[in-house]
Amino acid sequence: PVHLRALRGLARSFQISQVVPDFTVQ
């Protein structure tokens, strides 16, 4: 599954990395 691939070091940007609009960049 996705979370195990992430733990192995495989990351996806623009879809898995959901930005939280109300949070700051930091």
mmCIF file of all heavy atoms, coordinates in Angstrom:
data_MODEL
# 
_entry.id   MODEL 
# 
loop_
_atom_site.group_PDB 
_atom_site.id 
_atom_site.type_symbol 
_atom_site.label_atom_id 
_atom_site.label_alt_id 
_atom_site.label_comp_id 
_atom_site.label_asym_id 
_atom_site.label_entity_id 
_atom_site.label_seq_id 
_atom_site.pdbx_PDB_ins_code 
_atom_site.Cartn_x 
_atom_site.Cartn_y 
_atom_site.Cartn_z 
_atom_site.occupancy 
_atom_site.B_iso_or_equiv 
_atom_site.pdbx_formal_charge 
_atom_site.auth_seq_id 
_atom_site.auth_comp_id 
_atom_site.auth_asym_id 
_atom_site.auth_atom_id 
_atom_site.pdbx_PDB_model_num 
ATOM 1   N N   . PRO A 1 1  ? 0.829  -1.210 0.000   1.00 0.00 ? 1  PRO A N   1 
ATOM 2   C CA  . PRO A 1 1  ? 0.000  0.000  0.000   1.00 0.00 ? 1  PRO A CA  1 
ATOM 3   C C   . PRO A 1 1  ? 0.864  1.261  0.000   1.00 0.00 ? 1  PRO A C   1 
ATOM 4   O O   . PRO A 1 1  ? 2.078  1.218  0.218   1.00 0.00 ? 1  PRO A O   1 
ATOM 5   C CB  . PRO A 1 1  ? -0.803 -0.127 1.297   1.00 0.00 ? 1  PRO A CB  1 
ATOM 6   C CG  . PRO A 1 1  ? 0.026  -0.998 2.174   1.00 0.00 ? 1  PRO A CG  1 
ATOM 7   C CD  . PRO A 1 1  ? 0.752  -1.948 1.271   1.00 0.00 ? 1  PRO A CD  1 
ATOM 8   N N   . VAL A 1 2  ? 0.199  2.381  -0.225  1.00 0.00 ? 2  VAL A N   1 
ATOM 9   C CA  . VAL A 1 2  ? 0.897  3.660  -0.375  1.00 0.00 ? 2  VAL A CA  1 
ATOM 10  C C   . VAL A 1 2  ? 1.791  3.961  0.826   1.00 0.00 ? 2  VAL A C   1 
ATOM 11  O O   . VAL A 1 2  ? 2.948  4.369  0.660   1.00 0.00 ? 2  VAL A O   1 
ATOM 12  C CB  . VAL A 1 2  ? -0.136 4.800  -0.570  1.00 0.00 ? 2  VAL A CB  1 
ATOM 13  C CG1 . VAL A 1 2  ? 0.544  6.164  -0.476  1.00 0.00 ? 2  VAL A CG1 1 
ATOM 14  C CG2 . VAL A 1 2  ? -0.845 4.648  -1.905  1.00 0.00 ? 2  VAL A CG2 1 
ATOM 15  N N   . HIS A 1 3  ? 1.286  3.764  2.052   1.00 0.00 ? 3  HIS A N   1 
ATOM 16  C CA  . HIS A 1 3  ? 2.060  4.187  3.222   1.00 0.00 ? 3  HIS A CA  1 
ATOM 17  C C   . HIS A 1 3  ? 3.338  3.368  3.385   1.00 0.00 ? 3  HIS A C   1 
ATOM 18  O O   . HIS A 1 3  ? 4.354  3.889  3.838   1.00 0.00 ? 3  HIS A O   1 
ATOM 19  C CB  . HIS A 1 3  ? 1.200  4.135  4.492   1.00 0.00 ? 3  HIS A CB  1 
ATOM 20  C CG  . HIS A 1 3  ? 0.886  2.768  4.979   1.00 0.00 ? 3  HIS A CG  1 
ATOM 21  N ND1 . HIS A 1 3  ? -0.137 2.001  4.447   1.00 0.00 ? 3  HIS A ND1 1 
ATOM 22  C CD2 . HIS A 1 3  ? 1.449  2.002  5.957   1.00 0.00 ? 3  HIS A CD2 1 
ATOM 23  C CE1 . HIS A 1 3  ? -0.192 0.846  5.080   1.00 0.00 ? 3  HIS A CE1 1 
ATOM 24  N NE2 . HIS A 1 3  ? 0.757  0.809  6.000   1.00 0.00 ? 3  HIS A NE2 1 
ATOM 25  N N   . LEU A 1 4  ? 3.308  2.101  2.998   1.00 0.00 ? 4  LEU A N   1 
ATOM 26  C CA  . LEU A 1 4  ? 4.530  1.302  3.090   1.00 0.00 ? 4  LEU A CA  1 
ATOM 27  C C   . LEU A 1 4  ? 5.549  1.738  2.038   1.00 0.00 ? 4  LEU A C   1 
ATOM 28  O O   . LEU A 1 4  ? 6.755  1.749  2.297   1.00 0.00 ? 4  LEU A O   1 
ATOM 29  C CB  . LEU A 1 4  ? 4.206  -0.186 2.927   1.00 0.00 ? 4  LEU A CB  1 
ATOM 30  C CG  . LEU A 1 4  ? 3.460  -0.844 4.086   1.00 0.00 ? 4  LEU A CG  1 
ATOM 31  C CD1 . LEU A 1 4  ? 3.275  -2.338 3.828   1.00 0.00 ? 4  LEU A CD1 1 
ATOM 32  C CD2 . LEU A 1 4  ? 4.202  -0.625 5.413   1.00 0.00 ? 4  LEU A CD2 1 
ATOM 33  N N   . ARG A 1 5  ? 5.078  2.109  0.862   1.00 0.00 ? 5  ARG A N   1 
ATOM 34  C CA  . ARG A 1 5  ? 6.006  2.620  -0.162  1.00 0.00 ? 5  ARG A CA  1 
ATOM 35  C C   . ARG A 1 5  ? 6.629  3.934  0.297   1.00 0.00 ? 5  ARG A C   1 
ATOM 36  O O   . ARG A 1 5  ? 7.820  4.174  0.052   1.00 0.00 ? 5  ARG A O   1 
ATOM 37  C CB  . ARG A 1 5  ? 5.272  2.803  -1.493  1.00 0.00 ? 5  ARG A CB  1 
ATOM 38  C CG  . ARG A 1 5  ? 4.717  1.498  -2.033  1.00 0.00 ? 5  ARG A CG  1 
ATOM 39  C CD  . ARG A 1 5  ? 4.067  1.657  -3.395  1.00 0.00 ? 5  ARG A CD  1 
ATOM 40  N NE  . ARG A 1 5  ? 3.224  0.491  -3.667  1.00 0.00 ? 5  ARG A NE  1 
ATOM 41  C CZ  . ARG A 1 5  ? 3.046  -0.044 -4.855  1.00 0.00 ? 5  ARG A CZ  1 
ATOM 42  N NH1 . ARG A 1 5  ? 3.646  0.460  -5.920  1.00 0.00 ? 5  ARG A NH1 1 
ATOM 43  N NH2 . ARG A 1 5  ? 2.259  -1.099 -5.008  1.00 0.00 ? 5  ARG A NH2 1 
ATOM 44  N N   . ALA A 1 6  ? 5.834  4.767  0.960   1.00 0.00 ? 6  ALA A N   1 
ATOM 45  C CA  . ALA A 1 6  ? 6.377  6.023  1.473   1.00 0.00 ? 6  ALA A CA  1 
ATOM 46  C C   . ALA A 1 6  ? 7.463  5.764  2.507   1.00 0.00 ? 6  ALA A C   1 
ATOM 47  O O   . ALA A 1 6  ? 8.507  6.435  2.519   1.00 0.00 ? 6  ALA A O   1 
ATOM 48  C CB  . ALA A 1 6  ? 5.253  6.868  2.070   1.00 0.00 ? 6  ALA A CB  1 
ATOM 49  N N   . LEU A 1 7  ? 7.248  4.789  3.380   1.00 0.00 ? 7  LEU A N   1 
ATOM 50  C CA  . LEU A 1 7  ? 8.257  4.458  4.384   1.00 0.00 ? 7  LEU A CA  1 
ATOM 51  C C   . LEU A 1 7  ? 9.532  3.925  3.740   1.00 0.00 ? 7  LEU A C   1 
ATOM 52  O O   . LEU A 1 7  ? 10.628 4.096  4.283   1.00 0.00 ? 7  LEU A O   1 
ATOM 53  C CB  . LEU A 1 7  ? 7.694  3.430  5.373   1.00 0.00 ? 7  LEU A CB  1 
ATOM 54  C CG  . LEU A 1 7  ? 6.620  3.936  6.332   1.00 0.00 ? 7  LEU A CG  1 
ATOM 55  C CD1 . LEU A 1 7  ? 6.035  2.778  7.135   1.00 0.00 ? 7  LEU A CD1 1 
ATOM 56  C CD2 . LEU A 1 7  ? 7.177  5.010  7.264   1.00 0.00 ? 7  LEU A CD2 1 
ATOM 57  N N   . ARG A 1 8  ? 9.402  3.292  2.580   1.00 0.00 ? 8  ARG A N   1 
ATOM 58  C CA  . ARG A 1 8  ? 10.587 2.795  1.861   1.00 0.00 ? 8  ARG A CA  1 
ATOM 59  C C   . ARG A 1 8  ? 11.329 3.919  1.142   1.00 0.00 ? 8  ARG A C   1 
ATOM 60  O O   . ARG A 1 8  ? 12.455 3.724  0.695   1.00 0.00 ? 8  ARG A O   1 
ATOM 61  C CB  . ARG A 1 8  ? 10.178 1.735  0.833   1.00 0.00 ? 8  ARG A CB  1 
ATOM 62  C CG  . ARG A 1 8  ? 9.755  0.405  1.437   1.00 0.00 ? 8  ARG A CG  1 
ATOM 63  C CD  . ARG A 1 8  ? 9.505  -0.615 0.320   1.00 0.00 ? 8  ARG A CD  1 
ATOM 64  N NE  . ARG A 1 8  ? 9.084  -1.912 0.837   1.00 0.00 ? 8  ARG A NE  1 
ATOM 65  C CZ  . ARG A 1 8  ? 9.913  -2.864 1.228   1.00 0.00 ? 8  ARG A CZ  1 
ATOM 66  N NH1 . ARG A 1 8  ? 11.228 -2.648 1.167   1.00 0.00 ? 8  ARG A NH1 1 
ATOM 67  N NH2 . ARG A 1 8  ? 9.452  -4.016 1.665   1.00 0.00 ? 8  ARG A NH2 1 
ATOM 68  N N   . GLY A 1 9  ? 10.686 5.081  1.009   1.00 0.00 ? 9  GLY A N   1 
ATOM 69  C CA  . GLY A 1 9  ? 11.359 6.206  0.379   1.00 0.00 ? 9  GLY A CA  1 
ATOM 70  C C   . GLY A 1 9  ? 10.810 6.620  -0.963  1.00 0.00 ? 9  GLY A C   1 
ATOM 71  O O   . GLY A 1 9  ? 11.480 7.316  -1.730  1.00 0.00 ? 9  GLY A O   1 
ATOM 72  N N   . LEU A 1 10 ? 9.569  6.239  -1.258  1.00 0.00 ? 10 LEU A N   1 
ATOM 73  C CA  . LEU A 1 10 ? 8.946  6.606  -2.527  1.00 0.00 ? 10 LEU A CA  1 
ATOM 74  C C   . LEU A 1 10 ? 7.858  7.639  -2.233  1.00 0.00 ? 10 LEU A C   1 
ATOM 75  O O   . LEU A 1 10 ? 6.883  7.343  -1.559  1.00 0.00 ? 10 LEU A O   1 
ATOM 76  C CB  . LEU A 1 10 ? 8.357  5.365  -3.202  1.00 0.00 ? 10 LEU A CB  1 
ATOM 77  C CG  . LEU A 1 10 ? 8.024  5.465  -4.688  1.00 0.00 ? 10 LEU A CG  1 
ATOM 78  C CD1 . LEU A 1 10 ? 8.022  4.075  -5.322  1.00 0.00 ? 10 LEU A CD1 1 
ATOM 79  C CD2 . LEU A 1 10 ? 6.675  6.129  -4.917  1.00 0.00 ? 10 LEU A CD2 1 
ATOM 80  N N   . ALA A 1 11 ? 8.055  8.865  -2.725  1.00 0.00 ? 11 ALA A N   1 
ATOM 81  C CA  . ALA A 1 11 ? 7.126  9.958  -2.436  1.00 0.00 ? 11 ALA A CA  1 
ATOM 82  C C   . ALA A 1 11 ? 6.520  10.470 -3.726  1.00 0.00 ? 11 ALA A C   1 
ATOM 83  O O   . ALA A 1 11 ? 7.166  10.486 -4.776  1.00 0.00 ? 11 ALA A O   1 
ATOM 84  C CB  . ALA A 1 11 ? 7.844  11.100 -1.715  1.00 0.00 ? 11 ALA A CB  1 
ATOM 85  N N   . ARG A 1 12 ? 5.275  10.918 -3.621  1.00 0.00 ? 12 ARG A N   1 
ATOM 86  C CA  . ARG A 1 12 ? 4.594  11.488 -4.771  1.00 0.00 ? 12 ARG A CA  1 
ATOM 87  C C   . ARG A 1 12 ? 4.166  12.902 -4.443  1.00 0.00 ? 12 ARG A C   1 
ATOM 88  O O   . ARG A 1 12 ? 3.574  13.154 -3.400  1.00 0.00 ? 12 ARG A O   1 
ATOM 89  C CB  . ARG A 1 12 ? 3.365  10.659 -5.135  1.00 0.00 ? 12 ARG A CB  1 
ATOM 90  C CG  . ARG A 1 12 ? 2.615  11.208 -6.343  1.00 0.00 ? 12 ARG A CG  1 
ATOM 91  C CD  . ARG A 1 12 ? 1.463  10.302 -6.690  1.00 0.00 ? 12 ARG A CD  1 
ATOM 92  N NE  . ARG A 1 12 ? 0.817  10.721 -7.916  1.00 0.00 ? 12 ARG A NE  1 
ATOM 93  C CZ  . ARG A 1 12 ? -0.114 10.015 -8.540  1.00 0.00 ? 12 ARG A CZ  1 
ATOM 94  N NH1 . ARG A 1 12 ? -0.485 8.847  -8.048  1.00 0.00 ? 12 ARG A NH1 1 
ATOM 95  N NH2 . ARG A 1 12 ? -0.676 10.456 -9.641  1.00 0.00 ? 12 ARG A NH2 1 
ATOM 96  N N   . SER A 1 13 ? 4.461  13.817 -5.335  1.00 0.00 ? 13 SER A N   1 
ATOM 97  C CA  . SER A 1 13 ? 4.079  15.193 -5.119  1.00 0.00 ? 13 SER A CA  1 
ATOM 98  C C   . SER A 1 13 ? 2.886  15.551 -5.987  1.00 0.00 ? 13 SER A C   1 
ATOM 99  O O   . SER A 1 13 ? 2.648  14.941 -7.031  1.00 0.00 ? 13 SER A O   1 
ATOM 100 C CB  . SER A 1 13 ? 5.246  16.125 -5.446  1.00 0.00 ? 13 SER A CB  1 
ATOM 101 O OG  . SER A 1 13 ? 4.964  17.437 -5.051  1.00 0.00 ? 13 SER A OG  1 
ATOM 102 N N   . PHE A 1 14 ? 2.144  16.546 -5.540  1.00 0.00 ? 14 PHE A N   1 
ATOM 103 C CA  . PHE A 1 14 ? 1.022  17.183 -6.228  1.00 0.00 ? 14 PHE A CA  1 
ATOM 104 C C   . PHE A 1 14 ? -0.285 16.425 -6.065  1.00 0.00 ? 14 PHE A C   1 
ATOM 105 O O   . PHE A 1 14 ? -1.328 16.960 -6.361  1.00 0.00 ? 14 PHE A O   1 
ATOM 106 C CB  . PHE A 1 14 ? 1.286  17.409 -7.725  1.00 0.00 ? 14 PHE A CB  1 
ATOM 107 C CG  . PHE A 1 14 ? 2.589  18.079 -7.996  1.00 0.00 ? 14 PHE A CG  1 
ATOM 108 C CD1 . PHE A 1 14 ? 3.389  17.689 -9.049  1.00 0.00 ? 14 PHE A CD1 1 
ATOM 109 C CD2 . PHE A 1 14 ? 3.033  19.096 -7.166  1.00 0.00 ? 14 PHE A CD2 1 
ATOM 110 C CE1 . PHE A 1 14 ? 4.606  18.309 -9.292  1.00 0.00 ? 14 PHE A CE1 1 
ATOM 111 C CE2 . PHE A 1 14 ? 4.240  19.712 -7.404  1.00 0.00 ? 14 PHE A CE2 1 
ATOM 112 C CZ  . PHE A 1 14 ? 5.033  19.314 -8.457  1.00 0.00 ? 14 PHE A CZ  1 
ATOM 113 N N   . GLN A 1 15 ? -0.246 15.173 -5.610  1.00 0.00 ? 15 GLN A N   1 
ATOM 114 C CA  . GLN A 1 15 ? -1.499 14.480 -5.353  1.00 0.00 ? 15 GLN A CA  1 
ATOM 115 C C   . GLN A 1 15 ? -1.499 13.895 -3.937  1.00 0.00 ? 15 GLN A C   1 
ATOM 116 O O   . GLN A 1 15 ? -2.392 14.173 -3.160  1.00 0.00 ? 15 GLN A O   1 
ATOM 117 C CB  . GLN A 1 15 ? -1.751 13.403 -6.408  1.00 0.00 ? 15 GLN A CB  1 
ATOM 118 C CG  . GLN A 1 15 ? -2.018 14.031 -7.770  1.00 0.00 ? 15 GLN A CG  1 
ATOM 119 C CD  . GLN A 1 15 ? -2.433 13.012 -8.804  1.00 0.00 ? 15 GLN A CD  1 
ATOM 120 O OE1 . GLN A 1 15 ? -2.914 11.944 -8.487  1.00 0.00 ? 15 GLN A OE1 1 
ATOM 121 N NE2 . GLN A 1 15 ? -2.244 13.354 -10.063 1.00 0.00 ? 15 GLN A NE2 1 
ATOM 122 N N   . ILE A 1 16 ? -0.463 13.123 -3.585  1.00 0.00 ? 16 ILE A N   1 
ATOM 123 C CA  . ILE A 1 16 ? -0.438 12.604 -2.212  1.00 0.00 ? 16 ILE A CA  1 
ATOM 124 C C   . ILE A 1 16 ? -0.141 13.728 -1.214  1.00 0.00 ? 16 ILE A C   1 
ATOM 125 O O   . ILE A 1 16 ? -0.610 13.708 -0.088  1.00 0.00 ? 16 ILE A O   1 
ATOM 126 C CB  . ILE A 1 16 ? 0.584  11.461 -2.049  1.00 0.00 ? 16 ILE A CB  1 
ATOM 127 C CG1 . ILE A 1 16 ? 0.425  10.804 -0.679  1.00 0.00 ? 16 ILE A CG1 1 
ATOM 128 C CG2 . ILE A 1 16 ? 1.993  11.920 -2.283  1.00 0.00 ? 16 ILE A CG2 1 
ATOM 129 C CD1 . ILE A 1 16 ? 1.287  9.582  -0.503  1.00 0.00 ? 16 ILE A CD1 1 
ATOM 130 N N   . SER A 1 17 ? 0.650  14.713 -1.636  1.00 0.00 ? 17 SER A N   1 
ATOM 131 C CA  . SER A 1 17 ? 1.047  15.780 -0.720  1.00 0.00 ? 17 SER A CA  1 
ATOM 132 C C   . SER A 1 17 ? -0.048 16.835 -0.677  1.00 0.00 ? 17 SER A C   1 
ATOM 133 O O   . SER A 1 17 ? 0.002  17.832 -1.366  1.00 0.00 ? 17 SER A O   1 
ATOM 134 C CB  . SER A 1 17 ? 2.368  16.401 -1.175  1.00 0.00 ? 17 SER A CB  1 
ATOM 135 O OG  . SER A 1 17 ? 3.367  15.430 -1.229  1.00 0.00 ? 17 SER A OG  1 
ATOM 136 N N   . GLN A 1 18 ? -1.054 16.607 0.131   1.00 0.00 ? 18 GLN A N   1 
ATOM 137 C CA  . GLN A 1 18 ? -2.183 17.517 0.212   1.00 0.00 ? 18 GLN A CA  1 
ATOM 138 C C   . GLN A 1 18 ? -1.842 18.674 1.145   1.00 0.00 ? 18 GLN A C   1 
ATOM 139 O O   . GLN A 1 18 ? -1.596 18.486 2.325   1.00 0.00 ? 18 GLN A O   1 
ATOM 140 C CB  . GLN A 1 18 ? -3.416 16.770 0.715   1.00 0.00 ? 18 GLN A CB  1 
ATOM 141 C CG  . GLN A 1 18 ? -3.899 15.675 -0.221  1.00 0.00 ? 18 GLN A CG  1 
ATOM 142 C CD  . GLN A 1 18 ? -4.378 16.215 -1.557  1.00 0.00 ? 18 GLN A CD  1 
ATOM 143 O OE1 . GLN A 1 18 ? -4.958 17.281 -1.620  1.00 0.00 ? 18 GLN A OE1 1 
ATOM 144 N NE2 . GLN A 1 18 ? -4.121 15.481 -2.615  1.00 0.00 ? 18 GLN A NE2 1 
ATOM 145 N N   . VAL A 1 19 ? -1.864 19.877 0.593   1.00 0.00 ? 19 VAL A N   1 
ATOM 146 C CA  . VAL A 1 19 ? -1.606 21.068 1.393   1.00 0.00 ? 19 VAL A CA  1 
ATOM 147 C C   . VAL A 1 19 ? -2.825 21.384 2.246   1.00 0.00 ? 19 VAL A C   1 
ATOM 148 O O   . VAL A 1 19 ? -3.963 21.271 1.788   1.00 0.00 ? 19 VAL A O   1 
ATOM 149 C CB  . VAL A 1 19 ? -1.273 22.253 0.465   1.00 0.00 ? 19 VAL A CB  1 
ATOM 150 C CG1 . VAL A 1 19 ? -1.262 23.567 1.229   1.00 0.00 ? 19 VAL A CG1 1 
ATOM 151 C CG2 . VAL A 1 19 ? 0.060  22.031 -0.231  1.00 0.00 ? 19 VAL A CG2 1 
ATOM 152 N N   . VAL A 1 20 ? -2.585 21.768 3.502   1.00 0.00 ? 20 VAL A N   1 
ATOM 153 C CA  . VAL A 1 20 ? -3.666 22.208 4.390   1.00 0.00 ? 20 VAL A CA  1 
ATOM 154 C C   . VAL A 1 20 ? -3.765 23.733 4.259   1.00 0.00 ? 20 VAL A C   1 
ATOM 155 O O   . VAL A 1 20 ? -2.875 24.451 4.732   1.00 0.00 ? 20 VAL A O   1 
ATOM 156 C CB  . VAL A 1 20 ? -3.395 21.810 5.852   1.00 0.00 ? 20 VAL A CB  1 
ATOM 157 C CG1 . VAL A 1 20 ? -4.560 22.227 6.744   1.00 0.00 ? 20 VAL A CG1 1 
ATOM 158 C CG2 . VAL A 1 20 ? -3.148 20.309 5.959   1.00 0.00 ? 20 VAL A CG2 1 
ATOM 159 N N   . PRO A 1 21 ? -4.809 24.259 3.621   1.00 0.00 ? 21 PRO A N   1 
ATOM 160 C CA  . PRO A 1 21 ? -4.846 25.693 3.279   1.00 0.00 ? 21 PRO A CA  1 
ATOM 161 C C   . PRO A 1 21 ? -4.760 26.619 4.485   1.00 0.00 ? 21 PRO A C   1 
ATOM 162 O O   . PRO A 1 21 ? -4.168 27.695 4.386   1.00 0.00 ? 21 PRO A O   1 
ATOM 163 C CB  . PRO A 1 21 ? -6.192 25.851 2.558   1.00 0.00 ? 21 PRO A CB  1 
ATOM 164 C CG  . PRO A 1 21 ? -6.565 24.487 2.093   1.00 0.00 ? 21 PRO A CG  1 
ATOM 165 C CD  . PRO A 1 21 ? -5.995 23.543 3.102   1.00 0.00 ? 21 PRO A CD  1 
ATOM 166 N N   . ASP A 1 22 ? -5.342 26.213 5.613   1.00 0.00 ? 22 ASP A N   1 
ATOM 167 C CA  . ASP A 1 22 ? -5.379 27.096 6.775   1.00 0.00 ? 22 ASP A CA  1 
ATOM 168 C C   . ASP A 1 22 ? -4.091 27.070 7.590   1.00 0.00 ? 22 ASP A C   1 
ATOM 169 O O   . ASP A 1 22 ? -3.914 27.898 8.486   1.00 0.00 ? 22 ASP A O   1 
ATOM 170 C CB  . ASP A 1 22 ? -6.556 26.727 7.691   1.00 0.00 ? 22 ASP A CB  1 
ATOM 171 C CG  . ASP A 1 22 ? -7.900 27.022 7.039   1.00 0.00 ? 22 ASP A CG  1 
ATOM 172 O OD1 . ASP A 1 22 ? -7.937 27.871 6.124   1.00 0.00 ? 22 ASP A OD1 1 
ATOM 173 O OD2 . ASP A 1 22 ? -8.898 26.403 7.425   1.00 0.00 ? 22 ASP A OD2 1 
ATOM 174 N N   . PHE A 1 23 ? -3.203 26.143 7.294   1.00 0.00 ? 23 PHE A N   1 
ATOM 175 C CA  . PHE A 1 23 ? -1.918 26.071 7.982   1.00 0.00 ? 23 PHE A CA  1 
ATOM 176 C C   . PHE A 1 23 ? -0.898 26.948 7.251   1.00 0.00 ? 23 PHE A C   1 
ATOM 177 O O   . PHE A 1 23 ? -1.014 27.208 6.055   1.00 0.00 ? 23 PHE A O   1 
ATOM 178 C CB  . PHE A 1 23 ? -1.393 24.638 8.022   1.00 0.00 ? 23 PHE A CB  1 
ATOM 179 C CG  . PHE A 1 23 ? -2.029 23.770 9.076   1.00 0.00 ? 23 PHE A CG  1 
ATOM 180 C CD1 . PHE A 1 23 ? -3.186 24.143 9.733   1.00 0.00 ? 23 PHE A CD1 1 
ATOM 181 C CD2 . PHE A 1 23 ? -1.454 22.542 9.400   1.00 0.00 ? 23 PHE A CD2 1 
ATOM 182 C CE1 . PHE A 1 23 ? -3.761 23.342 10.697  1.00 0.00 ? 23 PHE A CE1 1 
ATOM 183 C CE2 . PHE A 1 23 ? -2.024 21.727 10.366  1.00 0.00 ? 23 PHE A CE2 1 
ATOM 184 C CZ  . PHE A 1 23 ? -3.175 22.122 11.018  1.00 0.00 ? 23 PHE A CZ  1 
ATOM 185 N N   . THR A 1 24 ? 0.121  27.373 7.981   1.00 0.00 ? 24 THR A N   1 
ATOM 186 C CA  . THR A 1 24 ? 1.209  28.096 7.340   1.00 0.00 ? 24 THR A CA  1 
ATOM 187 C C   . THR A 1 24 ? 2.064  27.130 6.523   1.00 0.00 ? 24 THR A C   1 
ATOM 188 O O   . THR A 1 24 ? 1.954  25.905 6.642   1.00 0.00 ? 24 THR A O   1 
ATOM 189 C CB  . THR A 1 24 ? 2.104  28.785 8.376   1.00 0.00 ? 24 THR A CB  1 
ATOM 190 O OG1 . THR A 1 24 ? 2.778  27.777 9.148   1.00 0.00 ? 24 THR A OG1 1 
ATOM 191 C CG2 . THR A 1 24 ? 1.305  29.715 9.281   1.00 0.00 ? 24 THR A CG2 1 
ATOM 192 N N   . VAL A 1 25 ? 2.918  27.718 5.710   1.00 0.00 ? 25 VAL A N   1 
ATOM 193 C CA  . VAL A 1 25 ? 3.884  26.929 4.948   1.00 0.00 ? 25 VAL A CA  1 
ATOM 194 C C   . VAL A 1 25 ? 4.702  26.049 5.889   1.00 0.00 ? 25 VAL A C   1 
ATOM 195 O O   . VAL A 1 25 ? 4.878  24.842 5.666   1.00 0.00 ? 25 VAL A O   1 
ATOM 196 C CB  . VAL A 1 25 ? 4.795  27.872 4.132   1.00 0.00 ? 25 VAL A CB  1 
ATOM 197 C CG1 . VAL A 1 25 ? 6.013  27.143 3.594   1.00 0.00 ? 25 VAL A CG1 1 
ATOM 198 C CG2 . VAL A 1 25 ? 4.000  28.523 2.990   1.00 0.00 ? 25 VAL A CG2 1 
ATOM 199 N N   . GLN A 1 26 ? 5.215  26.652 6.957   1.00 0.00 ? 26 GLN A N   1 
ATOM 200 C CA  . GLN A 1 26 ? 6.025  25.922 7.931   1.00 0.00 ? 26 GLN A CA  1 
ATOM 201 C C   . GLN A 1 26 ? 5.257  24.763 8.554   1.00 0.00 ? 26 GLN A C   1 
ATOM 202 O O   . GLN A 1 26 ? 5.776  23.654 8.701   1.00 0.00 ? 26 GLN A O   1 
ATOM 203 C CB  . GLN A 1 26 ? 6.487  26.892 9.007   1.00 0.00 ? 26 GLN A CB  1 
ATOM 204 C CG  . GLN A 1 26 ? 7.365  26.300 10.088  1.00 0.00 ? 26 GLN A CG  1 
ATOM 205 C CD  . GLN A 1 26 ? 7.690  27.341 11.142  1.00 0.00 ? 26 GLN A CD  1 
ATOM 206 O OE1 . GLN A 1 26 ? 6.785  27.967 11.700  1.00 0.00 ? 26 GLN A OE1 1 
ATOM 207 N NE2 . GLN A 1 26 ? 8.976  27.561 11.395  1.00 0.00 ? 26 GLN A NE2 1 
# 
